[in-house]
Amino acid sequence: MQFVGQLAQADLNDVRKDTRSKTSWRALRLAAIPKLVFRCWAVLMALASIAAVSLVGVLSFAFYGAAALLGRVRPLHDAYQFLSRAYDRFLDRLGQEVLRDSRDTPALRLMVSLTLTAVPIFVIQLVLGKPRLLLAIAFYLSLCGPKFQRSARMFSAKHLEAHRPQGYFSEKYDKVFGRYVEFFLGYLYGDLPELGRTVHVRLHHKENGGPDDNASTMGYDRTNPLHFLWYLSDNIWTTLGLAPYAYFKARGDVKNQRRMFWGMTRYFVYFAAVFIYDWRIGIVFVLVPLLSMNFIMAITSWVQHAFCDPEHPEDYFVNTVTVFDEVNFMNEGYHLCHHHRSGLHWTEMPAHLERIRDKMRESGSLVFRDLDFMQLFIELTLLRRMDVLAEKLVPWEPMNHEQRLALLAQRTKPATALSALGESGAL
């Protein structure tokens, strides 16, 4: 009887264990459903972002082609140059009056141009009510400019404004125009308030593109377009402010958590108000810019820290790239210098690069010439032409072509531990 009792108890334990196993498995499957839904929605947003930026890109590059053709007409070219020089002289005088640092006049030019074009176009569209195709085209041409040049300049202007404790404007004008790029013009671009001042400065520069950075690309193969699609789908949570909010909340950073909350609230109220007013205007003038911004933010984060050392992923001297291109608006290409001394004025970056040259050489920092960040993304991820990148690489020591290719291949490998994290699809 004792043996039978022991057997019965063992059977009962097995049943209980099996029951717990089935219950746990059912609970796990139920818990996975929301994650799957979020992942599917994020991938859908990634595809929508590609569609949105492609549509805007057609307009921007068509504008570039038309401007290039018109520029060959001598009277039009001369008239444009005359007006442009006169405009620059006016802005130089204005900058000395309204800016804290007159060296930031290129940012002022962008602010004035957008205020005189994109802002009134948007206001006129709201007054007219029904969406007008010509107004929509004019709106996106004013936002992006030819070949996305104005979008890139807007990104740089907002980036550097985020690092100004008092913004661009002098004390006399700060109360009206304080953080004018991020907290006013940014709405037109689908750029949430606090993604610059709070997320970029308090999160990205703290983590320096490392494993704990929301914008980290180390767990992805930066030469794989499908990996970029996955990254783009993850980036929507940063674009909407939710991932940074979770970051600050997890670390008990109440100040920046509160900033993110109010930044998201302000933008979502704006988003909802326009859609309630007219959902068609909401789609064309609010949703498309938001999706385009998701793509632009993802590309920028993808390439600016694309070449990490899998064995030392936390070393920002290794994972931060420097590029020299023809425009290099406000020295955006000196990205490593910026991470090393984020408070340094952008005009002082070239001299600072000379001061840290030895450290860059020791760390093996990557420098490219005749290349901007958009071209780097195209060559690295879309076309995967490592030969082209190898030719544009500026090595610290003599290297042949094969050695350059091997270095680029080694620096774009995904970090193993982070790959597993990325594949989990965690928000």
Protein backbone atom coordinates (compact mmCIF):
# COMPACT_ATOMS: atom_id res chain seq x y z
CA MET A 1 0.00 0.00 0.00
CA GLN A 2 2.89 2.32 0.72
CA PHE A 3 4.29 1.64 -2.76
CA VAL A 4 0.90 2.27 -4.35
CA GLY A 5 0.56 5.49 -2.41
CA GLN A 6 4.00 6.63 -3.57
CA LEU A 7 3.14 5.76 -7.18
CA ALA A 8 -0.14 7.62 -6.99
CA GLN A 9 1.61 10.66 -5.55
CA ALA A 10 4.24 10.51 -8.31
CA ASP A 11 1.54 10.29 -10.96
CA LEU A 12 -0.25 13.23 -9.39
CA ASN A 13 2.96 15.27 -9.41
CA ASP A 14 3.51 14.42 -13.09
CA VAL A 15 -0.01 15.55 -13.91
CA ARG A 16 0.52 18.78 -12.01
CA LYS A 17 3.83 19.40 -13.75
CA ASP A 18 2.28 18.65 -17.14
CA THR A 19 -0.63 20.93 -16.30
CA ARG A 20 1.73 23.72 -15.28
CA SER A 21 3.74 23.15 -18.46
CA LYS A 22 0.67 23.42 -20.68
CA THR A 23 -0.57 26.42 -18.73
CA SER A 24 2.81 28.16 -18.97
CA TRP A 25 3.07 27.41 -22.69
CA ARG A 26 -0.45 28.78 -23.27
CA ALA A 27 0.42 31.90 -21.26
CA LEU A 28 3.63 32.36 -23.25
CA ARG A 29 1.75 32.08 -26.51
CA LEU A 30 -0.85 34.59 -25.35
CA ALA A 31 1.89 36.96 -24.20
CA ALA A 32 3.57 36.66 -27.61
CA ILE A 33 0.46 37.86 -29.46
CA PRO A 34 0.78 41.57 -28.52
CA LYS A 35 4.49 41.49 -29.39
CA LEU A 36 3.65 39.96 -32.78
CA VAL A 37 0.99 42.60 -33.38
CA PHE A 38 3.41 45.40 -32.49
CA ARG A 39 6.08 43.90 -34.73
CA CYS A 40 3.71 43.57 -37.69
CA TRP A 41 2.52 47.15 -37.19
CA ALA A 42 6.12 48.40 -36.98
CA VAL A 43 7.08 46.59 -40.21
CA LEU A 44 4.02 48.10 -41.88
CA MET A 45 5.16 51.54 -40.73
CA ALA A 46 8.64 50.82 -42.10
CA LEU A 47 7.21 49.96 -45.51
CA ALA A 48 4.98 53.06 -45.37
CA SER A 49 8.06 55.16 -44.50
CA ILE A 50 9.87 53.84 -47.57
CA ALA A 51 6.84 54.65 -49.74
CA ALA A 52 6.49 58.15 -48.25
CA VAL A 53 10.14 59.11 -48.63
CA SER A 54 10.21 57.66 -52.16
CA LEU A 55 7.29 59.84 -53.19
CA VAL A 56 8.88 62.92 -51.65
CA GLY A 57 12.22 61.94 -53.19
CA VAL A 58 10.75 61.93 -56.71
CA LEU A 59 9.67 65.55 -56.21
CA SER A 60 12.99 66.56 -54.67
CA PHE A 61 15.16 65.03 -57.38
CA ALA A 62 12.86 66.35 -60.12
CA PHE A 63 13.33 69.79 -58.55
CA TYR A 64 17.08 69.24 -58.60
CA GLY A 65 17.01 68.35 -62.29
CA ALA A 66 14.85 71.34 -63.16
CA ALA A 67 17.09 73.68 -61.15
CA ALA A 68 20.17 72.28 -62.91
CA LEU A 69 18.61 72.91 -66.32
CA LEU A 70 17.50 76.42 -65.42
CA GLY A 71 20.95 77.11 -63.99
CA ARG A 72 22.40 76.71 -67.48
CA VAL A 73 20.39 79.70 -68.66
CA ARG A 74 22.87 82.52 -68.14
CA PRO A 75 20.41 85.35 -67.30
CA LEU A 76 18.57 83.16 -64.77
CA HIS A 77 21.85 81.95 -63.26
CA ASP A 78 23.20 85.51 -62.92
CA ALA A 79 19.94 86.77 -61.44
CA TYR A 80 19.90 83.96 -58.88
CA GLN A 81 23.51 84.62 -57.89
CA PHE A 82 22.82 88.34 -57.49
CA LEU A 83 19.75 87.75 -55.32
CA SER A 84 21.51 85.05 -53.31
CA ARG A 85 24.47 87.32 -52.50
CA ALA A 86 22.14 90.16 -51.53
CA TYR A 87 20.15 87.76 -49.34
CA ASP A 88 23.35 86.54 -47.67
CA ARG A 89 24.47 90.10 -46.90
CA PHE A 90 21.08 90.83 -45.34
CA LEU A 91 21.23 87.67 -43.23
CA ASP A 92 24.77 88.44 -42.11
CA ARG A 93 23.57 91.75 -40.69
CA LEU A 94 20.46 90.14 -39.23
CA GLY A 95 22.51 87.37 -37.65
CA GLN A 96 24.71 89.83 -35.82
CA GLU A 97 21.56 91.35 -34.35
CA VAL A 98 19.44 88.34 -33.37
CA LEU A 99 21.85 85.41 -32.82
CA ARG A 100 23.91 84.61 -29.75
CA ASP A 101 26.74 83.62 -32.08
CA SER A 102 26.80 85.18 -35.55
CA ARG A 103 28.70 82.12 -36.83
CA ASP A 104 25.33 80.32 -36.80
CA THR A 105 24.02 82.45 -39.67
CA PRO A 106 23.70 79.39 -41.99
CA ALA A 107 21.08 78.04 -39.57
CA LEU A 108 19.35 81.41 -39.57
CA ARG A 109 19.14 81.34 -43.36
CA LEU A 110 17.38 77.99 -43.18
CA MET A 111 14.96 79.22 -40.52
CA VAL A 112 14.06 82.33 -42.50
CA SER A 113 13.63 80.37 -45.74
CA LEU A 114 11.31 77.82 -44.16
CA THR A 115 9.33 80.52 -42.34
CA LEU A 116 8.74 82.35 -45.61
CA THR A 117 7.83 79.24 -47.62
CA ALA A 118 6.67 76.08 -45.81
CA VAL A 119 4.86 77.86 -42.96
CA PRO A 120 2.60 80.10 -45.11
CA ILE A 121 1.91 77.23 -47.53
CA PHE A 122 0.69 75.09 -44.63
CA VAL A 123 -1.42 77.93 -43.22
CA ILE A 124 -2.98 78.60 -46.64
CA GLN A 125 -3.83 74.92 -46.98
CA LEU A 126 -5.57 74.94 -43.61
CA VAL A 127 -7.56 78.03 -44.59
CA LEU A 128 -8.62 76.56 -47.95
CA GLY A 129 -9.63 73.28 -46.33
CA LYS A 130 -9.64 70.89 -49.27
CA PRO A 131 -6.11 69.61 -50.10
CA ARG A 132 -4.60 71.24 -53.19
CA LEU A 133 -2.05 69.28 -55.22
CA LEU A 134 0.03 72.32 -56.14
CA LEU A 135 0.19 73.42 -52.51
CA ALA A 136 1.31 69.93 -51.47
CA ILE A 137 4.06 69.92 -54.11
CA ALA A 138 5.20 73.41 -53.08
CA PHE A 139 5.14 72.34 -49.42
CA TYR A 140 7.46 69.38 -49.95
CA LEU A 141 9.78 71.27 -52.27
CA SER A 142 10.15 73.95 -49.59
CA LEU A 143 10.78 71.32 -46.90
CA CYS A 144 13.23 69.16 -48.84
CA GLY A 145 14.75 71.40 -51.48
CA PRO A 146 16.65 69.92 -54.44
CA LYS A 147 18.09 66.45 -53.78
CA PHE A 148 17.01 66.62 -50.11
CA GLN A 149 19.54 69.38 -49.45
CA ARG A 150 17.20 71.42 -47.27
CA SER A 151 16.15 68.33 -45.29
CA ALA A 152 19.81 67.58 -44.58
CA ARG A 153 20.42 71.17 -43.51
CA MET A 154 17.34 71.15 -41.31
CA PHE A 155 18.64 67.99 -39.64
CA SER A 156 22.02 69.61 -38.98
CA ALA A 157 20.49 72.86 -37.73
CA LYS A 158 18.21 71.02 -35.31
CA HIS A 159 21.07 68.76 -34.24
CA LEU A 160 23.30 71.66 -33.27
CA GLU A 161 20.46 73.66 -31.73
CA ALA A 162 19.89 70.74 -29.36
CA HIS A 163 23.40 71.28 -27.96
CA ARG A 164 22.86 75.00 -27.33
CA PRO A 165 21.66 75.40 -23.73
CA GLN A 166 19.94 78.67 -24.72
CA GLY A 167 19.28 77.90 -28.39
CA TYR A 168 20.44 80.01 -31.33
CA PHE A 169 18.84 83.37 -30.50
CA SER A 170 20.16 86.10 -28.23
CA GLU A 171 18.44 86.84 -24.95
CA LYS A 172 16.43 89.68 -26.50
CA TYR A 173 14.72 87.32 -28.98
CA ASP A 174 14.91 84.03 -27.13
CA LYS A 175 11.50 84.35 -25.45
CA VAL A 176 9.80 84.42 -28.86
CA PHE A 177 12.13 82.28 -30.99
CA GLY A 178 13.76 80.02 -28.40
CA ARG A 179 14.53 76.60 -29.95
CA TYR A 180 12.66 77.70 -33.04
CA VAL A 181 13.94 74.82 -35.19
CA GLU A 182 12.98 71.94 -32.93
CA PHE A 183 9.92 73.31 -31.16
CA PHE A 184 8.25 75.03 -34.14
CA LEU A 185 9.62 74.13 -37.56
CA GLY A 186 10.12 70.54 -36.45
CA TYR A 187 6.35 69.93 -36.47
CA LEU A 188 6.29 70.44 -40.25
CA TYR A 189 8.94 67.74 -40.66
CA GLY A 190 7.20 65.23 -38.39
CA ASP A 191 9.92 65.70 -35.79
CA LEU A 192 8.67 65.42 -32.19
CA PRO A 193 9.75 68.03 -29.65
CA GLU A 194 12.47 66.74 -27.28
CA LEU A 195 13.93 64.23 -29.75
CA GLY A 196 16.80 66.68 -30.06
CA ARG A 197 17.28 68.46 -26.74
CA THR A 198 16.44 65.40 -24.62
CA VAL A 199 16.89 62.19 -26.63
CA HIS A 200 19.89 63.16 -28.71
CA VAL A 201 21.76 64.99 -25.95
CA ARG A 202 20.74 63.01 -22.83
CA LEU A 203 20.51 59.54 -24.37
CA HIS A 204 22.50 59.25 -27.60
CA HIS A 205 25.52 61.21 -26.39
CA LYS A 206 25.48 59.32 -23.12
CA GLU A 207 25.50 55.94 -24.85
CA ASN A 208 27.54 57.05 -27.90
CA GLY A 209 25.89 54.57 -30.23
CA GLY A 210 26.74 51.70 -27.88
CA PRO A 211 24.67 48.65 -26.93
CA ASP A 212 22.23 50.57 -24.70
CA ASP A 213 21.55 53.28 -27.26
CA ASN A 214 18.06 53.15 -28.79
CA ALA A 215 19.70 54.05 -32.09
CA SER A 216 22.38 51.35 -31.90
CA THR A 217 22.99 49.46 -35.16
CA MET A 218 25.54 47.00 -33.82
CA GLY A 219 23.18 44.03 -33.78
CA TYR A 220 22.52 44.36 -37.50
CA ASP A 221 24.47 43.60 -40.65
CA ARG A 222 24.86 47.12 -42.02
CA THR A 223 25.41 45.74 -45.54
CA ASN A 224 22.05 43.93 -45.58
CA PRO A 225 18.95 45.82 -46.84
CA LEU A 226 16.62 43.43 -44.99
CA HIS A 227 18.44 44.19 -41.73
CA PHE A 228 17.89 47.88 -42.43
CA LEU A 229 14.17 47.22 -42.94
CA TRP A 230 14.12 45.53 -39.54
CA TYR A 231 16.01 48.44 -38.02
CA LEU A 232 13.64 50.90 -39.69
CA SER A 233 10.68 49.10 -38.15
CA ASP A 234 12.34 49.33 -34.72
CA ASN A 235 13.09 53.02 -35.24
CA ILE A 236 9.40 53.97 -35.37
CA TRP A 237 9.27 53.62 -31.58
CA THR A 238 12.04 56.21 -31.30
CA THR A 239 10.37 58.48 -33.86
CA LEU A 240 7.19 58.39 -31.78
CA GLY A 241 9.17 59.01 -28.58
CA LEU A 242 8.09 55.76 -26.90
CA ALA A 243 11.45 53.98 -26.83
CA PRO A 244 13.31 56.99 -25.31
CA TYR A 245 10.50 57.42 -22.78
CA ALA A 246 10.92 53.77 -21.75
CA TYR A 247 14.70 54.28 -21.53
CA PHE A 248 14.41 57.20 -19.11
CA LYS A 249 11.68 55.49 -17.11
CA ALA A 250 13.75 52.32 -16.67
CA ARG A 251 16.63 54.41 -15.30
CA GLY A 252 14.50 56.50 -12.98
CA ASP A 253 15.37 59.69 -14.88
CA VAL A 254 12.21 61.58 -13.94
CA LYS A 255 13.25 64.93 -15.43
CA ASN A 256 13.88 63.61 -18.92
CA GLN A 257 10.97 61.18 -18.69
CA ARG A 258 8.70 64.14 -18.02
CA ARG A 259 10.23 66.10 -20.89
CA MET A 260 9.55 63.20 -23.25
CA PHE A 261 5.98 62.89 -22.04
CA TRP A 262 5.19 66.54 -22.76
CA GLY A 263 7.05 66.44 -26.07
CA MET A 264 4.99 63.46 -27.21
CA THR A 265 1.79 65.03 -25.89
CA ARG A 266 2.33 68.28 -27.80
CA TYR A 267 3.01 66.48 -31.06
CA PHE A 268 0.14 63.99 -30.70
CA VAL A 269 -2.27 66.85 -29.98
CA TYR A 270 -1.05 68.61 -33.15
CA PHE A 271 -1.34 65.36 -35.12
CA ALA A 272 -4.89 64.68 -33.89
CA ALA A 273 -6.04 68.28 -34.36
CA VAL A 274 -5.06 68.36 -38.03
CA PHE A 275 -6.67 64.97 -38.69
CA ILE A 276 -9.88 66.05 -36.96
CA TYR A 277 -9.89 69.24 -39.02
CA ASP A 278 -9.46 67.30 -42.29
CA TRP A 279 -8.09 63.77 -42.47
CA ARG A 280 -6.89 64.33 -46.05
CA ILE A 281 -4.74 67.28 -44.97
CA GLY A 282 -3.58 65.16 -42.06
CA ILE A 283 -2.33 62.42 -44.35
CA VAL A 284 -0.62 64.69 -46.88
CA PHE A 285 0.83 67.35 -44.56
CA VAL A 286 1.34 65.49 -41.26
CA LEU A 287 1.51 61.71 -41.67
CA VAL A 288 3.77 61.68 -44.74
CA PRO A 289 6.34 64.00 -43.06
CA LEU A 290 6.28 61.80 -39.94
CA LEU A 291 6.93 58.64 -41.97
CA SER A 292 9.64 60.41 -43.98
CA MET A 293 11.27 61.58 -40.75
CA ASN A 294 11.30 57.99 -39.51
CA PHE A 295 13.26 56.99 -42.61
CA ILE A 296 15.67 59.95 -42.42
CA MET A 297 16.36 59.38 -38.71
CA ALA A 298 16.96 55.68 -39.33
CA ILE A 299 19.37 56.29 -42.21
CA THR A 300 21.35 58.85 -40.22
CA SER A 301 21.70 56.63 -37.16
CA TRP A 302 22.45 53.63 -39.38
CA VAL A 303 25.48 55.16 -41.09
CA GLN A 304 26.91 57.56 -38.51
CA HIS A 305 27.85 54.60 -36.29
CA ALA A 306 28.01 51.91 -38.97
CA PHE A 307 31.58 50.68 -38.53
CA CYS A 308 32.01 49.28 -35.04
CA ASP A 309 34.50 46.77 -33.70
CA PRO A 310 32.46 43.72 -32.53
CA GLU A 311 35.05 43.12 -29.81
CA HIS A 312 34.85 46.71 -28.51
CA PRO A 313 31.31 47.91 -29.36
CA GLU A 314 31.36 50.58 -26.65
CA ASP A 315 34.36 52.45 -28.11
CA TYR A 316 32.82 55.46 -29.87
CA PHE A 317 36.16 56.40 -31.40
CA VAL A 318 35.82 53.19 -33.39
CA ASN A 319 32.09 53.14 -34.12
CA THR A 320 31.68 56.82 -35.10
CA VAL A 321 32.42 57.62 -38.72
CA THR A 322 33.84 60.85 -40.20
CA VAL A 323 32.94 61.90 -43.75
CA PHE A 324 34.13 64.77 -45.92
CA ASP A 325 31.80 65.84 -48.72
CA GLU A 326 31.40 68.89 -50.90
CA VAL A 327 28.69 70.55 -48.83
CA ASN A 328 29.17 69.26 -45.25
CA PHE A 329 26.63 71.77 -43.92
CA MET A 330 27.66 73.09 -40.51
CA ASN A 331 30.41 70.43 -40.49
CA GLU A 332 27.97 67.59 -39.87
CA GLY A 333 30.51 65.14 -41.28
CA TYR A 334 32.87 65.71 -38.34
CA HIS A 335 30.72 63.38 -36.30
CA LEU A 336 33.48 61.89 -34.17
CA CYS A 337 34.74 65.35 -33.24
CA HIS A 338 31.19 66.20 -32.21
CA HIS A 339 30.89 63.12 -30.00
CA HIS A 340 34.27 63.84 -28.44
CA ARG A 341 33.40 67.48 -27.66
CA SER A 342 29.67 67.92 -28.20
CA GLY A 343 29.66 71.48 -26.89
CA LEU A 344 32.33 72.64 -29.33
CA HIS A 345 31.11 75.10 -31.96
CA TRP A 346 30.76 73.54 -35.38
CA THR A 347 33.23 76.00 -36.95
CA GLU A 348 35.96 74.67 -34.63
CA MET A 349 35.54 71.02 -35.63
CA PRO A 350 38.27 70.91 -38.33
CA ALA A 351 40.86 72.21 -35.87
CA HIS A 352 39.65 69.78 -33.22
CA LEU A 353 40.09 66.87 -35.61
CA GLU A 354 43.77 67.76 -35.85
CA ARG A 355 44.03 67.69 -32.05
CA ILE A 356 42.55 64.19 -31.76
CA ARG A 357 44.19 62.77 -34.87
CA ASP A 358 46.61 60.58 -32.87
CA LYS A 359 43.77 59.09 -30.83
CA MET A 360 41.81 58.44 -34.04
CA ARG A 361 44.83 56.70 -35.54
CA GLU A 362 45.32 54.57 -32.43
CA SER A 363 41.64 53.57 -32.33
CA GLY A 364 41.38 52.93 -36.05
CA SER A 365 38.60 55.48 -36.61
CA LEU A 366 37.23 55.36 -40.16
CA VAL A 367 37.34 58.46 -42.35
CA PHE A 368 35.85 58.75 -45.86
CA ARG A 369 36.35 61.46 -48.45
CA ASP A 370 34.06 62.70 -51.25
CA LEU A 371 31.09 61.09 -49.54
CA ASP A 372 28.07 62.28 -47.59
CA PHE A 373 25.90 60.23 -45.26
CA MET A 374 23.20 59.56 -47.85
CA GLN A 375 25.79 58.33 -50.35
CA LEU A 376 27.36 56.20 -47.62
CA PHE A 377 24.00 54.53 -46.99
CA ILE A 378 23.43 53.90 -50.69
CA GLU A 379 26.88 52.42 -51.27
CA LEU A 380 27.04 50.45 -48.02
CA THR A 381 23.52 49.03 -47.71
CA LEU A 382 21.53 49.42 -50.91
CA LEU A 383 24.19 48.79 -53.57
CA ARG A 384 26.65 47.02 -51.25
CA ARG A 385 29.57 48.36 -53.29
CA MET A 386 32.35 47.88 -50.80
CA ASP A 387 34.87 48.47 -53.60
CA VAL A 388 33.63 52.06 -53.87
CA LEU A 389 33.85 52.57 -50.11
CA ALA A 390 37.33 51.05 -50.05
CA GLU A 391 38.44 53.61 -52.64
CA LYS A 392 36.96 56.49 -50.61
CA LEU A 393 38.41 55.26 -47.31
CA VAL A 394 41.27 57.37 -45.95
CA PRO A 395 43.48 54.88 -44.04
CA TRP A 396 45.84 55.93 -41.26
CA GLU A 397 48.53 53.59 -42.52
CA PRO A 398 49.27 52.41 -46.09
CA MET A 399 46.74 49.71 -47.03
CA ASN A 400 46.10 47.95 -50.31
CA HIS A 401 42.62 47.45 -51.71
CA GLU A 402 42.16 43.95 -50.26
CA GLN A 403 43.17 45.13 -46.80
CA ARG A 404 40.66 47.96 -46.97
CA LEU A 405 37.92 45.55 -48.00
CA ALA A 406 38.80 43.20 -45.15
CA LEU A 407 38.69 46.07 -42.63
CA LEU A 408 35.27 47.23 -43.86
CA ALA A 409 33.92 43.67 -43.73
CA GLN A 410 35.17 43.21 -40.18
CA ARG A 411 33.71 46.56 -39.02
CA THR A 412 30.23 45.87 -40.42
CA LYS A 413 29.73 42.46 -38.80
CA PRO A 414 26.85 42.42 -36.32
CA ALA A 415 27.82 41.95 -32.69
CA THR A 416 26.65 38.44 -31.76
CA ALA A 417 25.08 39.26 -28.42
CA LEU A 418 23.23 42.20 -29.88
CA SER A 419 22.04 40.20 -32.88
CA ALA A 420 20.16 37.84 -30.62
CA LEU A 421 18.57 40.82 -28.91
CA GLY A 422 17.56 42.37 -32.23
CA GLU A 423 16.04 39.08 -33.44
CA SER A 424 13.88 38.89 -30.36
CA GLY A 425 11.86 41.82 -31.65
CA ALA A 426 11.77 43.52 -28.27
CA LEU A 427 10.31 47.00 -28.24
